[in-house]
Amino acid sequence: MTPDVNVLVSAFRPDHPHHLPARHWLDDTVRQAANGRASLQLLGMGVTGFVRITTHPKIFHEIDPLQDVCDFIDSLLSCPGVQFQASGASWSHLRELCLTQQVWGNLVSDAWIAATVMQSGETLCTFDRDFTRLLPSHQLILLKP
């Protein structure tokens, strides 16, 4: 399983309107990973986006302290079955997805995530409906807000 940026942000911030479904999914997936029933892959791009969004004063009126943000990721990575995946999709996978789905502009980051998920055989968890056009349904968990 791979959480999208929006799932990490929602799970971390109790004031986020999607906090409860995101937190429930994340806690359940961490438990499954600890028991060997699932894996939890944190993509480098997802973690980068999480740190960028939670510490950005134009996104949240009250930003999160960088130490708290880093501690959240550290706590996830300290759990059995949770791994950090720094690398991502190969150029050929990203290129193919962009061309076949006519992805450009802001969707390119989503295409990179989708291509990485497809290449690794993982399943993406997100609130973002754009992924329904980028990933096959068996590799997508779309949380309801």
Protein backbone atom coordinates (compact mmCIF):
# COMPACT_ATOMS: atom_id res chain seq x y z
CA MET A 1 0.00 0.00 0.00
CA THR A 2 1.15 3.50 -0.78
CA PRO A 3 -0.50 6.62 0.67
CA ASP A 4 -0.85 9.68 -1.51
CA VAL A 5 0.22 13.08 -0.17
CA ASN A 6 -3.39 13.98 0.65
CA VAL A 7 -3.78 10.88 2.83
CA LEU A 8 -0.59 11.66 4.78
CA VAL A 9 -1.63 15.30 5.32
CA SER A 10 -5.17 14.34 6.34
CA ALA A 11 -4.00 11.61 8.71
CA PHE A 12 -1.48 13.95 10.35
CA ARG A 13 -3.65 17.05 10.86
CA PRO A 14 -6.58 16.53 13.26
CA ASP A 15 -8.19 19.73 11.93
CA HIS A 16 -8.30 18.40 8.37
CA PRO A 17 -11.85 17.60 7.20
CA HIS A 18 -10.73 14.14 5.99
CA HIS A 19 -8.72 13.32 9.12
CA LEU A 20 -10.84 10.44 10.41
CA PRO A 21 -11.00 8.27 7.25
CA ALA A 22 -7.32 8.94 6.48
CA ARG A 23 -6.18 8.19 10.02
CA HIS A 24 -8.28 5.05 10.20
CA TRP A 25 -6.82 3.79 6.90
CA LEU A 26 -3.25 4.65 7.92
CA ASP A 27 -3.51 3.08 11.39
CA ASP A 28 -5.10 -0.07 9.95
CA THR A 29 -2.45 -0.36 7.23
CA VAL A 30 0.39 0.13 9.74
CA ARG A 31 -1.11 -2.68 11.88
CA GLN A 32 -1.38 -4.94 8.81
CA ALA A 33 2.21 -4.14 7.84
CA ALA A 34 3.43 -4.94 11.36
CA ASN A 35 1.65 -8.32 11.15
CA GLY A 36 3.09 -9.07 7.71
CA ARG A 37 -0.32 -8.91 6.00
CA ALA A 38 0.56 -5.80 3.97
CA SER A 39 3.41 -3.48 3.19
CA LEU A 40 3.39 0.28 3.52
CA GLN A 41 5.58 2.15 1.04
CA LEU A 42 6.18 5.86 1.58
CA LEU A 43 7.20 7.38 -1.74
CA GLY A 44 9.88 10.04 -1.67
CA MET A 45 7.64 12.38 -3.64
CA GLY A 46 4.77 11.75 -1.20
CA VAL A 47 6.91 12.52 1.84
CA THR A 48 8.35 15.61 0.15
CA GLY A 49 4.84 16.87 -0.64
CA PHE A 50 3.69 16.12 2.90
CA VAL A 51 6.52 18.18 4.42
CA ARG A 52 5.97 20.99 1.90
CA ILE A 53 2.20 21.24 2.49
CA THR A 54 2.14 20.90 6.28
CA THR A 55 4.80 23.58 6.74
CA HIS A 56 3.49 26.04 4.14
CA PRO A 57 1.91 29.19 5.64
CA LYS A 58 -0.15 29.86 2.50
CA ILE A 59 -1.85 26.47 2.81
CA PHE A 60 -2.48 26.30 6.56
CA HIS A 61 -3.03 29.35 8.75
CA GLU A 62 -1.20 27.54 11.54
CA ILE A 63 1.64 25.53 10.06
CA ASP A 64 3.01 22.45 11.73
CA PRO A 65 6.44 22.62 13.35
CA LEU A 66 9.01 20.95 11.12
CA GLN A 67 10.12 18.75 14.03
CA ASP A 68 6.54 17.39 14.44
CA VAL A 69 6.26 16.76 10.70
CA CYS A 70 9.57 14.89 10.63
CA ASP A 71 8.67 12.96 13.79
CA PHE A 72 5.43 11.78 12.13
CA ILE A 73 7.33 10.32 9.17
CA ASP A 74 10.00 8.88 11.50
CA SER A 75 7.30 7.20 13.59
CA LEU A 76 5.80 5.57 10.50
CA LEU A 77 9.20 4.42 9.26
CA SER A 78 10.00 2.90 12.66
CA CYS A 79 7.07 0.48 12.29
CA PRO A 80 7.72 -3.02 10.97
CA GLY A 81 6.73 -3.40 7.32
CA VAL A 82 6.92 0.34 6.56
CA GLN A 83 9.55 1.39 4.04
CA PHE A 84 10.74 4.56 2.33
CA GLN A 85 11.02 4.31 -1.43
CA ALA A 86 13.29 7.12 -2.60
CA SER A 87 13.31 6.16 -6.26
CA GLY A 88 10.32 6.21 -8.53
CA ALA A 89 9.02 5.34 -11.93
CA SER A 90 11.38 4.78 -14.78
CA TRP A 91 11.23 7.32 -17.58
CA SER A 92 9.68 4.76 -19.95
CA HIS A 93 6.77 4.09 -17.54
CA LEU A 94 6.16 7.78 -16.88
CA ARG A 95 6.45 8.66 -20.57
CA GLU A 96 4.00 5.94 -21.58
CA LEU A 97 1.42 6.98 -18.98
CA CYS A 98 1.71 10.67 -19.87
CA LEU A 99 1.29 9.98 -23.58
CA THR A 100 -1.52 7.41 -23.34
CA GLN A 101 -3.54 9.46 -20.83
CA GLN A 102 -2.57 12.87 -22.26
CA VAL A 103 -1.27 14.03 -18.90
CA TRP A 104 0.27 17.49 -18.62
CA GLY A 105 0.57 20.37 -16.17
CA ASN A 106 -0.38 19.66 -12.58
CA LEU A 107 -1.28 16.03 -13.34
CA VAL A 108 2.34 15.14 -14.16
CA SER A 109 3.13 14.66 -10.44
CA ASP A 110 0.13 12.34 -10.13
CA ALA A 111 1.30 10.47 -13.23
CA TRP A 112 4.73 9.94 -11.62
CA ILE A 113 3.06 8.54 -8.51
CA ALA A 114 0.76 6.32 -10.60
CA ALA A 115 3.62 5.05 -12.77
CA THR A 116 5.67 4.29 -9.64
CA VAL A 117 2.75 2.41 -8.07
CA MET A 118 2.16 0.40 -11.26
CA GLN A 119 5.85 -0.38 -11.68
CA SER A 120 6.18 -1.55 -8.06
CA GLY A 121 2.93 -3.53 -8.03
CA GLU A 122 1.65 -1.55 -5.03
CA THR A 123 -1.81 -0.09 -4.39
CA LEU A 124 -2.30 3.66 -3.96
CA CYS A 125 -4.60 5.07 -1.28
CA THR A 126 -5.89 8.57 -2.02
CA PHE A 127 -8.81 10.98 -1.90
CA ASP A 128 -7.84 12.29 -5.38
CA ARG A 129 -10.28 11.11 -8.06
CA ASP A 130 -7.76 12.01 -10.81
CA PHE A 131 -6.07 8.70 -10.12
CA THR A 132 -9.12 6.81 -11.44
CA ARG A 133 -7.92 7.66 -14.94
CA LEU A 134 -4.28 6.90 -14.17
CA LEU A 135 -4.43 3.59 -12.29
CA PRO A 136 -6.31 0.34 -12.81
CA SER A 137 -9.00 -0.16 -10.17
CA HIS A 138 -7.16 -3.09 -8.56
CA GLN A 139 -4.26 -0.73 -7.73
CA LEU A 140 -6.37 2.06 -6.28
CA ILE A 141 -8.14 2.64 -2.98
CA LEU A 142 -10.22 5.80 -3.21
CA LEU A 143 -11.16 6.96 0.28
CA LYS A 144 -14.41 8.80 0.77
CA PRO A 145 -14.12 12.16 2.54
